[in-house]
Amino acid sequence: HAFNELVSFGAAWAQLLNYVITIAISAFFVPHYLSIFWDPLRQNPWDVVVAALVIVALVGLNIVGVREAARLNIGLAVLDFATQALLVILGFALIFSPGILVENVDFGVAPTWENFLLAIPVGMIAYTGIETISNLSEEARDPSRDIPRSIAMVAVAVYAIFFTLPMIALSAMPVTEGPDGFATPLGEPPERGGYANDPVLGLVDNLGLDGALLHSLE
């Protein structure tokens, strides 16, 4: 009620773009992580086809019922958080190196100021969607208590993971100087031996693990 229709339209349009970007990015990376089971999923056209199928499947699930969709979302979120938390714990125990981490950063050189400024909005994508918890207020038993508490818990979990996981990743795959300048395997395409399509899988492969634990994490 504080602003006019034009401002409310702009806010709603920005929120819609937020949803579209989040859905597109999330769905696009699903086939890349599943490529460990079928290699063609790493590249076109199968990564796009499977990403589209994932979106269609999730839309269908939401049409069937909110309860079923909520259960799936909660299960996937718990599994995802547990996996990333395990990677952080293993990383700090096995490979974390404060010295290597500091040597990775030389502002203006690695990264360049242009890349650093570009990385800020890209990094903020990790925090999109936290505010959508407010949409569940109609299903909460005590919205005034449950919704703020849920947002706080999710925010802490997301901040903790995305603050520590990059530290582990850069310790495992530090920035090195090559013929094209400074780079890390995290940002290199698969044809150059990098993990731009599946950075978490790259971290798993470079933790120094082997055997059943490595295959389970992959």
N, C-alpha and C. Protein backbone atom coordinates (compact mmCIF):
# COMPACT_ATOMS: atom_id res chain seq x y z
N HIS A 1 0.81 -1.21 0.00
CA HIS A 1 0.00 0.00 0.00
C HIS A 1 0.85 1.27 0.00
N ALA A 2 2.15 1.14 0.18
CA ALA A 2 2.99 2.33 0.31
C ALA A 2 3.33 2.95 -1.04
N PHE A 3 3.24 2.18 -2.14
CA PHE A 3 3.64 2.69 -3.44
C PHE A 3 2.50 2.51 -4.44
N ASN A 4 2.69 3.05 -5.64
CA ASN A 4 1.64 2.98 -6.64
C ASN A 4 1.73 1.71 -7.47
N GLU A 5 0.85 1.61 -8.49
CA GLU A 5 0.78 0.40 -9.30
C GLU A 5 2.04 0.17 -10.11
N LEU A 6 2.69 1.24 -10.56
CA LEU A 6 3.90 1.09 -11.36
C LEU A 6 5.01 0.43 -10.56
N VAL A 7 5.19 0.87 -9.32
CA VAL A 7 6.23 0.29 -8.47
C VAL A 7 5.91 -1.17 -8.15
N SER A 8 4.65 -1.46 -7.86
CA SER A 8 4.27 -2.84 -7.56
C SER A 8 4.45 -3.74 -8.78
N PHE A 9 4.17 -3.20 -9.99
CA PHE A 9 4.39 -3.98 -11.21
C PHE A 9 5.87 -4.27 -11.39
N GLY A 10 6.72 -3.27 -11.16
CA GLY A 10 8.16 -3.49 -11.29
C GLY A 10 8.68 -4.50 -10.30
N ALA A 11 8.18 -4.45 -9.05
CA ALA A 11 8.61 -5.42 -8.04
C ALA A 11 8.17 -6.82 -8.41
N ALA A 12 6.94 -6.96 -8.90
CA ALA A 12 6.44 -8.28 -9.29
C ALA A 12 7.21 -8.82 -10.49
N TRP A 13 7.54 -7.95 -11.44
CA TRP A 13 8.30 -8.37 -12.62
C TRP A 13 9.70 -8.81 -12.22
N ALA A 14 10.33 -8.08 -11.31
CA ALA A 14 11.66 -8.47 -10.83
C ALA A 14 11.61 -9.82 -10.11
N GLN A 15 10.55 -10.04 -9.33
CA GLN A 15 10.40 -11.32 -8.64
C GLN A 15 10.21 -12.46 -9.63
N LEU A 16 9.46 -12.20 -10.70
CA LEU A 16 9.26 -13.22 -11.73
C LEU A 16 10.59 -13.56 -12.41
N LEU A 17 11.39 -12.54 -12.73
CA LEU A 17 12.70 -12.78 -13.33
C LEU A 17 13.59 -13.56 -12.37
N ASN A 18 13.47 -13.28 -11.09
CA ASN A 18 14.23 -14.00 -10.07
C ASN A 18 13.90 -15.49 -10.12
N TYR A 19 12.61 -15.80 -10.20
CA TYR A 19 12.19 -17.20 -10.29
C TYR A 19 12.71 -17.86 -11.56
N VAL A 20 12.59 -17.17 -12.69
CA VAL A 20 13.02 -17.74 -13.97
C VAL A 20 14.52 -18.03 -13.97
N ILE A 21 15.32 -17.08 -13.48
CA ILE A 21 16.77 -17.27 -13.43
C ILE A 21 17.14 -18.42 -12.51
N THR A 22 16.50 -18.48 -11.34
CA THR A 22 16.80 -19.56 -10.39
C THR A 22 16.45 -20.92 -10.97
N ILE A 23 15.28 -21.02 -11.59
CA ILE A 23 14.85 -22.29 -12.20
C ILE A 23 15.80 -22.70 -13.31
N ALA A 24 16.16 -21.75 -14.18
CA ALA A 24 17.02 -22.07 -15.32
C ALA A 24 18.40 -22.55 -14.87
N ILE A 25 19.00 -21.84 -13.93
CA ILE A 25 20.34 -22.21 -13.47
C ILE A 25 20.32 -23.56 -12.76
N SER A 26 19.33 -23.74 -11.89
CA SER A 26 19.25 -25.00 -11.13
C SER A 26 19.04 -26.18 -12.06
N ALA A 27 18.10 -26.04 -13.00
CA ALA A 27 17.80 -27.15 -13.90
C ALA A 27 18.96 -27.44 -14.84
N PHE A 28 19.70 -26.40 -15.24
CA PHE A 28 20.79 -26.60 -16.19
C PHE A 28 21.92 -27.43 -15.61
N PHE A 29 22.16 -27.29 -14.30
CA PHE A 29 23.27 -28.02 -13.69
C PHE A 29 22.90 -29.45 -13.31
N VAL A 30 21.62 -29.78 -13.26
CA VAL A 30 21.21 -31.15 -12.91
C VAL A 30 21.80 -32.18 -13.87
N PRO A 31 21.64 -32.03 -15.21
CA PRO A 31 22.22 -33.04 -16.10
C PRO A 31 23.74 -33.13 -16.03
N HIS A 32 24.41 -32.03 -15.72
CA HIS A 32 25.87 -32.07 -15.62
C HIS A 32 26.31 -32.95 -14.45
N TYR A 33 25.59 -32.86 -13.33
CA TYR A 33 25.93 -33.72 -12.20
C TYR A 33 25.52 -35.17 -12.45
N LEU A 34 24.45 -35.37 -13.22
CA LEU A 34 24.02 -36.73 -13.55
C LEU A 34 24.89 -37.36 -14.63
N SER A 35 25.77 -36.56 -15.24
CA SER A 35 26.61 -37.09 -16.32
C SER A 35 27.58 -38.15 -15.85
N ILE A 36 27.74 -38.28 -14.53
CA ILE A 36 28.61 -39.34 -14.03
C ILE A 36 28.02 -40.71 -14.35
N PHE A 37 26.68 -40.75 -14.56
CA PHE A 37 26.03 -42.00 -14.93
C PHE A 37 25.93 -42.16 -16.45
N TRP A 38 25.89 -41.04 -17.19
CA TRP A 38 25.77 -41.10 -18.66
C TRP A 38 26.51 -39.90 -19.23
N ASP A 39 27.65 -40.12 -19.85
CA ASP A 39 28.56 -39.05 -20.26
C ASP A 39 27.95 -38.03 -21.22
N PRO A 40 27.05 -38.39 -22.17
CA PRO A 40 26.48 -37.38 -23.08
C PRO A 40 25.74 -36.24 -22.38
N LEU A 41 25.39 -36.40 -21.11
CA LEU A 41 24.70 -35.33 -20.40
C LEU A 41 25.60 -34.13 -20.14
N ARG A 42 26.89 -34.26 -20.40
CA ARG A 42 27.82 -33.15 -20.17
C ARG A 42 27.68 -32.04 -21.21
N GLN A 43 27.08 -32.34 -22.35
CA GLN A 43 27.09 -31.37 -23.45
C GLN A 43 25.76 -31.39 -24.20
N ASN A 44 25.62 -30.41 -25.12
CA ASN A 44 24.43 -30.34 -25.96
C ASN A 44 24.33 -31.57 -26.87
N PRO A 45 23.10 -31.99 -27.19
CA PRO A 45 21.82 -31.38 -26.78
C PRO A 45 21.22 -31.98 -25.52
N TRP A 46 21.85 -33.05 -24.99
CA TRP A 46 21.21 -33.80 -23.92
C TRP A 46 21.12 -33.03 -22.61
N ASP A 47 22.08 -32.14 -22.33
CA ASP A 47 21.97 -31.39 -21.08
C ASP A 47 20.76 -30.45 -21.11
N VAL A 48 20.49 -29.85 -22.28
CA VAL A 48 19.33 -28.97 -22.41
C VAL A 48 18.03 -29.78 -22.35
N VAL A 49 18.01 -30.93 -23.02
CA VAL A 49 16.81 -31.77 -23.03
C VAL A 49 16.46 -32.23 -21.62
N VAL A 50 17.44 -32.73 -20.90
CA VAL A 50 17.18 -33.22 -19.54
C VAL A 50 16.80 -32.07 -18.61
N ALA A 51 17.43 -30.91 -18.78
CA ALA A 51 17.06 -29.74 -17.96
C ALA A 51 15.60 -29.37 -18.17
N ALA A 52 15.16 -29.39 -19.44
CA ALA A 52 13.75 -29.09 -19.73
C ALA A 52 12.83 -30.13 -19.11
N LEU A 53 13.23 -31.40 -19.17
CA LEU A 53 12.41 -32.46 -18.57
C LEU A 53 12.32 -32.31 -17.06
N VAL A 54 13.41 -31.88 -16.44
CA VAL A 54 13.40 -31.66 -14.99
C VAL A 54 12.39 -30.57 -14.63
N ILE A 55 12.39 -29.47 -15.40
CA ILE A 55 11.45 -28.38 -15.14
C ILE A 55 10.02 -28.86 -15.30
N VAL A 56 9.75 -29.61 -16.38
CA VAL A 56 8.40 -30.13 -16.63
C VAL A 56 7.97 -31.05 -15.49
N ALA A 57 8.88 -31.91 -15.03
CA ALA A 57 8.55 -32.85 -13.95
C ALA A 57 8.21 -32.11 -12.66
N LEU A 58 8.98 -31.07 -12.34
CA LEU A 58 8.73 -30.31 -11.12
C LEU A 58 7.43 -29.50 -11.22
N VAL A 59 7.15 -28.98 -12.40
CA VAL A 59 5.88 -28.27 -12.60
C VAL A 59 4.72 -29.24 -12.39
N GLY A 60 4.84 -30.45 -12.97
CA GLY A 60 3.80 -31.45 -12.80
C GLY A 60 3.61 -31.84 -11.35
N LEU A 61 4.71 -31.95 -10.63
CA LEU A 61 4.64 -32.31 -9.22
C LEU A 61 3.92 -31.24 -8.41
N ASN A 62 4.17 -29.98 -8.73
CA ASN A 62 3.48 -28.90 -8.03
C ASN A 62 2.00 -28.84 -8.39
N ILE A 63 1.65 -29.24 -9.62
CA ILE A 63 0.25 -29.28 -10.01
C ILE A 63 -0.48 -30.39 -9.26
N VAL A 64 0.19 -31.53 -9.07
CA VAL A 64 -0.43 -32.66 -8.37
C VAL A 64 -0.80 -32.27 -6.94
N GLY A 65 0.09 -31.59 -6.27
CA GLY A 65 -0.24 -31.20 -4.89
C GLY A 65 0.94 -30.58 -4.19
N VAL A 66 0.66 -29.59 -3.36
CA VAL A 66 1.71 -28.89 -2.64
C VAL A 66 2.39 -29.79 -1.64
N ARG A 67 1.60 -30.68 -1.00
CA ARG A 67 2.18 -31.53 0.04
C ARG A 67 3.24 -32.44 -0.54
N GLU A 68 2.94 -33.07 -1.71
CA GLU A 68 3.93 -33.95 -2.33
C GLU A 68 5.16 -33.17 -2.75
N ALA A 69 4.95 -31.99 -3.32
CA ALA A 69 6.08 -31.17 -3.75
C ALA A 69 6.91 -30.72 -2.55
N ALA A 70 6.24 -30.37 -1.46
CA ALA A 70 6.96 -29.92 -0.27
C ALA A 70 7.82 -31.04 0.30
N ARG A 71 7.28 -32.25 0.32
CA ARG A 71 8.04 -33.38 0.83
C ARG A 71 9.29 -33.63 -0.01
N LEU A 72 9.13 -33.58 -1.35
CA LEU A 72 10.28 -33.78 -2.23
C LEU A 72 11.30 -32.67 -2.03
N ASN A 73 10.84 -31.43 -1.96
CA ASN A 73 11.76 -30.30 -1.78
C ASN A 73 12.53 -30.40 -0.48
N ILE A 74 11.85 -30.79 0.58
CA ILE A 74 12.52 -30.92 1.88
C ILE A 74 13.55 -32.03 1.83
N GLY A 75 13.18 -33.16 1.22
CA GLY A 75 14.11 -34.28 1.12
C GLY A 75 15.35 -33.93 0.32
N LEU A 76 15.15 -33.27 -0.83
CA LEU A 76 16.29 -32.89 -1.66
C LEU A 76 17.15 -31.83 -0.97
N ALA A 77 16.51 -30.90 -0.28
CA ALA A 77 17.27 -29.85 0.42
C ALA A 77 18.13 -30.44 1.54
N VAL A 78 17.57 -31.37 2.29
CA VAL A 78 18.33 -32.01 3.37
C VAL A 78 19.50 -32.79 2.81
N LEU A 79 19.25 -33.55 1.73
CA LEU A 79 20.32 -34.33 1.11
C LEU A 79 21.41 -33.42 0.56
N ASP A 80 21.03 -32.34 -0.09
CA ASP A 80 22.00 -31.41 -0.66
C ASP A 80 22.83 -30.75 0.43
N PHE A 81 22.18 -30.28 1.48
CA PHE A 81 22.90 -29.62 2.57
C PHE A 81 23.84 -30.60 3.27
N ALA A 82 23.37 -31.83 3.51
CA ALA A 82 24.21 -32.83 4.18
C ALA A 82 25.44 -33.15 3.35
N THR A 83 25.27 -33.26 2.02
CA THR A 83 26.40 -33.57 1.15
C THR A 83 27.42 -32.45 1.17
N GLN A 84 26.95 -31.20 1.05
CA GLN A 84 27.88 -30.07 1.05
C GLN A 84 28.55 -29.90 2.41
N ALA A 85 27.81 -30.14 3.48
CA ALA A 85 28.42 -30.06 4.82
C ALA A 85 29.51 -31.12 4.98
N LEU A 86 29.26 -32.32 4.44
CA LEU A 86 30.27 -33.38 4.50
C LEU A 86 31.51 -32.99 3.70
N LEU A 87 31.32 -32.36 2.54
CA LEU A 87 32.46 -31.90 1.74
C LEU A 87 33.28 -30.86 2.50
N VAL A 88 32.59 -29.96 3.20
CA VAL A 88 33.30 -28.94 3.98
C VAL A 88 34.11 -29.58 5.10
N ILE A 89 33.52 -30.53 5.81
CA ILE A 89 34.22 -31.20 6.91
C ILE A 89 35.43 -31.96 6.40
N LEU A 90 35.24 -32.73 5.31
CA LEU A 90 36.36 -33.48 4.74
C LEU A 90 37.43 -32.54 4.21
N GLY A 91 36.99 -31.43 3.60
CA GLY A 91 37.94 -30.48 3.05
C GLY A 91 38.82 -29.85 4.11
N PHE A 92 38.22 -29.41 5.21
CA PHE A 92 39.01 -28.83 6.29
C PHE A 92 39.95 -29.85 6.91
N ALA A 93 39.53 -31.11 6.93
CA ALA A 93 40.36 -32.15 7.54
C ALA A 93 41.50 -32.60 6.62
N LEU A 94 41.28 -32.54 5.29
CA LEU A 94 42.23 -33.15 4.36
C LEU A 94 43.09 -32.15 3.59
N ILE A 95 42.50 -31.06 3.11
CA ILE A 95 43.24 -30.25 2.14
C ILE A 95 43.26 -28.76 2.43
N PHE A 96 42.49 -28.27 3.38
CA PHE A 96 42.42 -26.83 3.58
C PHE A 96 43.79 -26.26 3.94
N SER A 97 44.17 -25.19 3.24
CA SER A 97 45.46 -24.55 3.46
C SER A 97 45.28 -23.04 3.43
N PRO A 98 45.36 -22.37 4.59
CA PRO A 98 45.23 -20.90 4.60
C PRO A 98 46.27 -20.22 3.71
N GLY A 99 47.49 -20.77 3.66
CA GLY A 99 48.53 -20.17 2.83
C GLY A 99 48.17 -20.19 1.36
N ILE A 100 47.73 -21.35 0.87
CA ILE A 100 47.33 -21.45 -0.53
C ILE A 100 46.14 -20.54 -0.81
N LEU A 101 45.21 -20.47 0.13
CA LEU A 101 44.02 -19.64 -0.06
C LEU A 101 44.40 -18.17 -0.22
N VAL A 102 45.32 -17.68 0.60
CA VAL A 102 45.75 -16.29 0.51
C VAL A 102 46.50 -16.04 -0.80
N GLU A 103 47.32 -16.99 -1.22
CA GLU A 103 48.09 -16.84 -2.45
C GLU A 103 47.20 -16.84 -3.69
N ASN A 104 45.97 -17.36 -3.57
CA ASN A 104 45.05 -17.38 -4.70
C ASN A 104 44.58 -15.99 -5.09
N VAL A 105 44.61 -15.05 -4.16
CA VAL A 105 43.98 -13.75 -4.37
C VAL A 105 45.03 -12.66 -4.53
N ASP A 106 44.96 -11.97 -5.65
CA ASP A 106 45.78 -10.78 -5.90
C ASP A 106 44.89 -9.82 -6.69
N PHE A 107 44.13 -9.00 -5.96
CA PHE A 107 43.13 -8.14 -6.60
C PHE A 107 43.76 -7.28 -7.69
N GLY A 108 43.07 -7.28 -8.82
CA GLY A 108 43.55 -6.56 -9.99
C GLY A 108 44.31 -7.44 -10.95
N VAL A 109 44.80 -8.58 -10.44
CA VAL A 109 45.53 -9.54 -11.28
C VAL A 109 44.78 -10.86 -11.34
N ALA A 110 44.56 -11.45 -10.18
CA ALA A 110 43.80 -12.70 -10.09
C ALA A 110 42.92 -12.62 -8.84
N PRO A 111 41.68 -12.18 -8.96
CA PRO A 111 40.99 -11.88 -10.22
C PRO A 111 41.24 -10.44 -10.68
N THR A 112 40.97 -10.20 -11.95
CA THR A 112 40.98 -8.82 -12.44
C THR A 112 39.78 -8.10 -11.85
N TRP A 113 39.84 -6.78 -11.84
CA TRP A 113 38.72 -6.03 -11.28
C TRP A 113 37.44 -6.29 -12.07
N GLU A 114 37.55 -6.46 -13.38
CA GLU A 114 36.37 -6.73 -14.19
C GLU A 114 35.72 -8.06 -13.79
N ASN A 115 36.55 -9.10 -13.65
CA ASN A 115 36.01 -10.40 -13.25
C ASN A 115 35.47 -10.38 -11.83
N PHE A 116 36.12 -9.62 -10.96
CA PHE A 116 35.66 -9.53 -9.57
C PHE A 116 34.27 -8.90 -9.50
N LEU A 117 34.07 -7.80 -10.24
CA LEU A 117 32.77 -7.14 -10.24
C LEU A 117 31.70 -8.02 -10.89
N LEU A 118 32.10 -8.79 -11.90
CA LEU A 118 31.15 -9.71 -12.54
C LEU A 118 30.77 -10.84 -11.59
N ALA A 119 31.72 -11.27 -10.76
CA ALA A 119 31.48 -12.41 -9.87
C ALA A 119 30.51 -12.07 -8.74
N ILE A 120 30.40 -10.79 -8.39
CA ILE A 120 29.53 -10.41 -7.27
C ILE A 120 28.07 -10.77 -7.56
N PRO A 121 27.47 -10.31 -8.69
CA PRO A 121 26.07 -10.72 -8.94
C PRO A 121 25.92 -12.21 -9.19
N VAL A 122 26.93 -12.84 -9.79
CA VAL A 122 26.86 -14.29 -10.00
C VAL A 122 26.83 -15.01 -8.66
N GLY A 123 27.68 -14.57 -7.73
CA GLY A 123 27.70 -15.18 -6.41
C GLY A 123 26.41 -14.97 -5.64
N MET A 124 25.73 -13.87 -5.89
CA MET A 124 24.48 -13.59 -5.19
C MET A 124 23.38 -14.56 -5.58
N ILE A 125 23.56 -15.27 -6.70
CA ILE A 125 22.55 -16.25 -7.11
C ILE A 125 22.37 -17.32 -6.04
N ALA A 126 23.45 -17.61 -5.30
CA ALA A 126 23.36 -18.63 -4.26
C ALA A 126 22.34 -18.26 -3.19
N TYR A 127 22.04 -16.97 -3.06
CA TYR A 127 21.14 -16.54 -1.99
C TYR A 127 19.73 -16.25 -2.48
N THR A 128 19.48 -16.44 -3.78
CA THR A 128 18.13 -16.24 -4.29
C THR A 128 17.23 -17.36 -3.79
N GLY A 129 16.02 -17.02 -3.49
CA GLY A 129 15.05 -18.02 -3.06
C GLY A 129 14.82 -18.05 -1.57
N ILE A 130 15.71 -17.45 -0.77
CA ILE A 130 15.51 -17.46 0.68
C ILE A 130 14.20 -16.77 1.04
N GLU A 131 13.91 -15.68 0.32
CA GLU A 131 12.70 -14.92 0.66
C GLU A 131 11.42 -15.66 0.30
N THR A 132 11.50 -16.70 -0.55
CA THR A 132 10.30 -17.42 -0.95
C THR A 132 9.71 -18.25 0.19
N ILE A 133 10.45 -18.40 1.28
CA ILE A 133 9.90 -19.10 2.44
C ILE A 133 8.63 -18.41 2.93
N SER A 134 8.55 -17.11 2.72
CA SER A 134 7.36 -16.37 3.16
C SER A 134 6.10 -16.85 2.46
N ASN A 135 6.25 -17.50 1.28
CA ASN A 135 5.09 -18.02 0.57
C ASN A 135 4.43 -19.17 1.31
N LEU A 136 5.14 -19.77 2.25
CA LEU A 136 4.61 -20.92 2.99
C LEU A 136 3.85 -20.49 4.25
N SER A 137 3.63 -19.20 4.42
CA SER A 137 3.00 -18.72 5.64
C SER A 137 1.59 -19.28 5.82
N GLU A 138 0.88 -19.50 4.71
CA GLU A 138 -0.48 -20.02 4.82
C GLU A 138 -0.51 -21.47 5.29
N GLU A 139 0.63 -22.17 5.18
CA GLU A 139 0.69 -23.56 5.62
C GLU A 139 1.30 -23.71 7.00
N ALA A 140 1.86 -22.64 7.53
CA ALA A 140 2.50 -22.71 8.84
C ALA A 140 1.46 -22.65 9.96
N ARG A 141 1.72 -23.36 11.04
CA ARG A 141 0.80 -23.34 12.18
C ARG A 141 0.83 -22.00 12.90
N ASP A 142 2.02 -21.41 12.99
CA ASP A 142 2.17 -20.11 13.64
C ASP A 142 3.07 -19.25 12.75
N PRO A 143 2.50 -18.62 11.71
CA PRO A 143 3.32 -17.89 10.73
C PRO A 143 4.22 -16.83 11.34
N SER A 144 3.72 -16.09 12.31
CA SER A 144 4.51 -15.01 12.90
C SER A 144 5.76 -15.53 13.61
N ARG A 145 5.73 -16.78 14.04
CA ARG A 145 6.88 -17.37 14.71
C ARG A 145 7.69 -18.27 13.78
N ASP A 146 6.99 -19.11 12.98
CA ASP A 146 7.67 -20.12 12.18
C ASP A 146 8.42 -19.53 10.98
N ILE A 147 7.81 -18.55 10.29
CA ILE A 147 8.42 -18.01 9.08
C ILE A 147 9.73 -17.26 9.37
N PRO A 148 9.76 -16.31 10.32
CA PRO A 148 11.05 -15.66 10.62
C PRO A 148 12.11 -16.64 11.08
N ARG A 149 11.72 -17.62 11.88
CA ARG A 149 12.70 -18.60 12.36
C ARG A 149 13.23 -19.43 11.20
N SER A 150 12.35 -19.81 10.27
CA SER A 150 12.78 -20.60 9.11
C SER A 150 13.73 -19.82 8.23
N ILE A 151 13.41 -18.54 7.99
CA ILE A 151 14.28 -17.70 7.17
C ILE A 151 15.65 -17.56 7.82
N ALA A 152 15.68 -17.36 9.13
CA ALA A 152 16.96 -17.22 9.84
C ALA A 152 17.78 -18.49 9.75
N MET A 153 17.15 -19.65 9.91
CA MET A 153 17.87 -20.92 9.86
C MET A 153 18.43 -21.18 8.47
N VAL A 154 17.61 -20.92 7.44
CA VAL A 154 18.08 -21.13 6.06
C VAL A 154 19.21 -20.17 5.73
N ALA A 155 19.08 -18.92 6.16
CA ALA A 155 20.13 -17.93 5.88
C ALA A 155 21.45 -18.34 6.51
N VAL A 156 21.41 -18.79 7.75
CA VAL A 156 22.64 -19.23 8.42
C VAL A 156 23.25 -20.42 7.70
N ALA A 157 22.41 -21.38 7.30
CA ALA A 157 22.91 -22.57 6.61
C ALA A 157 23.55 -22.20 5.27
N VAL A 158 22.89 -21.33 4.51
CA VAL A 158 23.41 -20.93 3.20
C VAL A 158 24.70 -20.14 3.36
N TYR A 159 24.73 -19.19 4.28
CA TYR A 159 25.94 -18.40 4.49
C TYR A 159 27.12 -19.28 4.91
N ALA A 160 26.85 -20.23 5.79
CA ALA A 160 27.92 -21.10 6.28
C ALA A 160 28.51 -21.94 5.16
N ILE A 161 27.64 -22.52 4.34
CA ILE A 161 28.12 -23.39 3.25
C ILE A 161 28.86 -22.58 2.20
N PHE A 162 28.28 -21.47 1.76
CA PHE A 162 28.88 -20.73 0.65
C PHE A 162 30.01 -19.81 1.11
N PHE A 163 30.28 -19.76 2.39
CA PHE A 163 31.48 -19.08 2.88
C PHE A 163 32.65 -20.06 2.98
N THR A 164 32.36 -21.30 3.37
CA THR A 164 33.42 -22.29 3.59
C THR A 164 33.72 -23.14 2.37
N LEU A 165 32.70 -23.48 1.58
CA LEU A 165 32.93 -24.37 0.44
C LEU A 165 33.88 -23.78 -0.60
N PRO A 166 33.78 -22.49 -0.96
CA PRO A 166 34.77 -21.93 -1.88
C PRO A 166 36.20 -21.96 -1.33
N MET A 167 36.35 -21.83 -0.01
CA MET A 167 37.68 -21.91 0.59
C MET A 167 38.28 -23.29 0.38
N ILE A 168 37.46 -24.32 0.52
CA ILE A 168 37.93 -25.68 0.30
C ILE A 168 38.24 -25.89 -1.18
N ALA A 169 37.37 -25.37 -2.04
CA ALA A 169 37.55 -25.57 -3.48
C ALA A 169 38.84 -24.94 -3.97
N LEU A 170 39.15 -23.73 -3.52
CA LEU A 170 40.37 -23.06 -3.95
C LEU A 170 41.62 -23.67 -3.32
N SER A 171 41.46 -24.33 -2.18
CA SER A 171 42.59 -25.07 -1.62
C SER A 171 42.87 -26.32 -2.43
N ALA A 172 41.80 -26.95 -2.95
CA ALA A 172 41.95 -28.17 -3.74
C ALA A 172 42.41 -27.87 -5.16
N MET A 173 41.90 -26.78 -5.74
CA MET A 173 42.23 -26.42 -7.12
C MET A 173 42.63 -24.96 -7.17
N PRO A 174 43.83 -24.63 -6.74
CA PRO A 174 44.26 -23.22 -6.65
C PRO A 174 44.42 -22.58 -8.02
N VAL A 175 44.47 -21.26 -7.99
CA VAL A 175 44.69 -20.49 -9.21
C VAL A 175 46.15 -20.62 -9.63
N THR A 176 46.36 -20.91 -10.90
CA THR A 176 47.72 -21.01 -11.46
C THR A 176 47.80 -20.15 -12.72
N GLU A 177 49.02 -19.80 -13.08
CA GLU A 177 49.23 -18.98 -14.27
C GLU A 177 49.50 -19.88 -15.46
N GLY A 178 48.69 -19.71 -16.50
CA GLY A 178 48.84 -20.49 -17.72
C GLY A 178 49.07 -19.59 -18.92
N PRO A 179 49.05 -20.15 -20.12
CA PRO A 179 49.28 -19.35 -21.33
C PRO A 179 48.23 -18.27 -21.55
N ASP A 180 47.02 -18.49 -21.01
CA ASP A 180 45.94 -17.51 -21.18
C ASP A 180 45.73 -16.65 -19.94
N GLY A 181 46.69 -16.66 -19.03
CA GLY A 181 46.56 -15.87 -17.81
C GLY A 181 46.29 -16.75 -16.60
N PHE A 182 45.81 -16.14 -15.54
CA PHE A 182 45.54 -16.86 -14.30
C PHE A 182 44.18 -17.54 -14.38
N ALA A 183 44.12 -18.79 -13.92
CA ALA A 183 42.86 -19.54 -13.97
C ALA A 183 42.90 -20.67 -12.97
N THR A 184 41.74 -21.18 -12.64
CA THR A 184 41.58 -22.35 -11.78
C THR A 184 40.76 -23.39 -12.54
N PRO A 185 41.00 -24.66 -12.32
CA PRO A 185 40.19 -25.69 -13.00
C PRO A 185 38.70 -25.54 -12.76
N LEU A 186 38.32 -24.85 -11.68
CA LEU A 186 36.90 -24.63 -11.41
C LEU A 186 36.22 -23.82 -12.51
N GLY A 187 36.99 -22.98 -13.19
CA GLY A 187 36.41 -22.14 -14.22
C GLY A 187 36.74 -22.55 -15.63
N GLU A 188 37.45 -23.66 -15.79
CA GLU A 188 37.83 -24.12 -17.12
C GLU A 188 36.78 -25.09 -17.67
N PRO A 189 36.55 -25.08 -18.98
CA PRO A 189 35.58 -26.01 -19.57
C PRO A 189 36.10 -27.44 -19.54
N PRO A 190 35.21 -28.43 -19.69
CA PRO A 190 35.62 -29.84 -19.63
C PRO A 190 36.68 -30.21 -20.66
N GLU A 191 36.62 -29.60 -21.85
CA GLU A 191 37.59 -29.95 -22.88
C GLU A 191 39.01 -29.53 -22.51
N ARG A 192 39.14 -28.65 -21.52
CA ARG A 192 40.46 -28.26 -21.01
C ARG A 192 40.78 -28.95 -19.68
N GLY A 193 39.98 -29.93 -19.33
CA GLY A 193 40.19 -30.64 -18.08
C GLY A 193 39.65 -29.92 -16.86
N GLY A 194 38.76 -28.95 -17.08
CA GLY A 194 38.19 -28.18 -15.98
C GLY A 194 36.84 -28.70 -15.53
N TYR A 195 36.26 -27.96 -14.59
CA TYR A 195 35.00 -28.39 -13.99
C TYR A 195 33.97 -27.26 -13.99
N ALA A 196 33.97 -26.44 -15.03
CA ALA A 196 33.02 -25.34 -15.08
C ALA A 196 31.58 -25.83 -15.11
N ASN A 197 31.35 -26.99 -15.70
CA ASN A 197 29.99 -27.53 -15.79
C ASN A 197 29.53 -28.18 -14.49
N ASP A 198 30.44 -28.67 -13.68
CA ASP A 198 30.07 -29.35 -12.44
C ASP A 198 31.15 -29.11 -11.38
N PRO A 199 31.20 -27.89 -10.81
CA PRO A 199 32.28 -27.54 -9.87
C PRO A 199 32.30 -28.39 -8.61
N VAL A 200 31.13 -28.80 -8.11
CA VAL A 200 31.12 -29.63 -6.89
C VAL A 200 31.74 -30.98 -7.17
N LEU A 201 31.47 -31.54 -8.34
CA LEU A 201 32.09 -32.81 -8.73
C LEU A 201 33.60 -32.64 -8.84
N GLY A 202 34.05 -31.48 -9.33
CA GLY A 202 35.48 -31.22 -9.38
C GLY A 202 36.11 -31.19 -8.01
N LEU A 203 35.40 -30.61 -7.05
CA LEU A 203 35.90 -30.60 -5.67
C LEU A 203 36.01 -32.02 -5.13
N VAL A 204 34.99 -32.84 -5.39
CA VAL A 204 35.01 -34.23 -4.92
C VAL A 204 36.20 -34.97 -5.49
N ASP A 205 36.46 -34.77 -6.78
CA ASP A 205 37.56 -35.48 -7.44
C ASP A 205 38.93 -35.05 -6.94
N ASN A 206 39.01 -33.87 -6.32
CA ASN A 206 40.31 -33.35 -5.89
C ASN A 206 40.47 -33.28 -4.37
N LEU A 207 39.64 -34.03 -3.66
CA LEU A 207 39.77 -34.08 -2.20
C LEU A 207 40.82 -35.09 -1.74
N GLY A 208 41.33 -35.88 -2.68
CA GLY A 208 42.31 -36.90 -2.31
C GLY A 208 41.67 -38.17 -1.78
N LEU A 209 40.38 -38.35 -2.07
CA LEU A 209 39.68 -39.55 -1.62
C LEU A 209 39.77 -40.64 -2.68
N ASP A 210 39.49 -41.85 -2.27
CA ASP A 210 39.40 -42.96 -3.22
C ASP A 210 38.47 -44.01 -2.63
N GLY A 211 38.20 -45.02 -3.43
CA GLY A 211 37.39 -46.13 -2.96
C GLY A 211 35.91 -45.81 -2.88
N ALA A 212 35.23 -46.46 -1.95
CA ALA A 212 33.78 -46.37 -1.85
C ALA A 212 33.30 -44.97 -1.49
N LEU A 213 34.04 -44.27 -0.63
CA LEU A 213 33.63 -42.92 -0.23
C LEU A 213 33.63 -41.97 -1.41
N LEU A 214 34.65 -42.06 -2.27
CA LEU A 214 34.71 -41.21 -3.46
C LEU A 214 33.54 -41.49 -4.37
N HIS A 215 33.24 -42.75 -4.63
CA HIS A 215 32.14 -43.10 -5.52
C HIS A 215 30.80 -42.68 -4.92
N SER A 216 30.66 -42.76 -3.61
CA SER A 216 29.41 -42.36 -2.97
C SER A 216 29.18 -40.86 -3.12
N LEU A 217 30.22 -40.06 -2.92
CA LEU A 217 30.09 -38.61 -3.06
C LEU A 217 29.84 -38.22 -4.51
N GLU A 218 30.48 -38.92 -5.45
CA GLU A 218 30.24 -38.62 -6.86
C GLU A 218 28.80 -38.91 -7.24
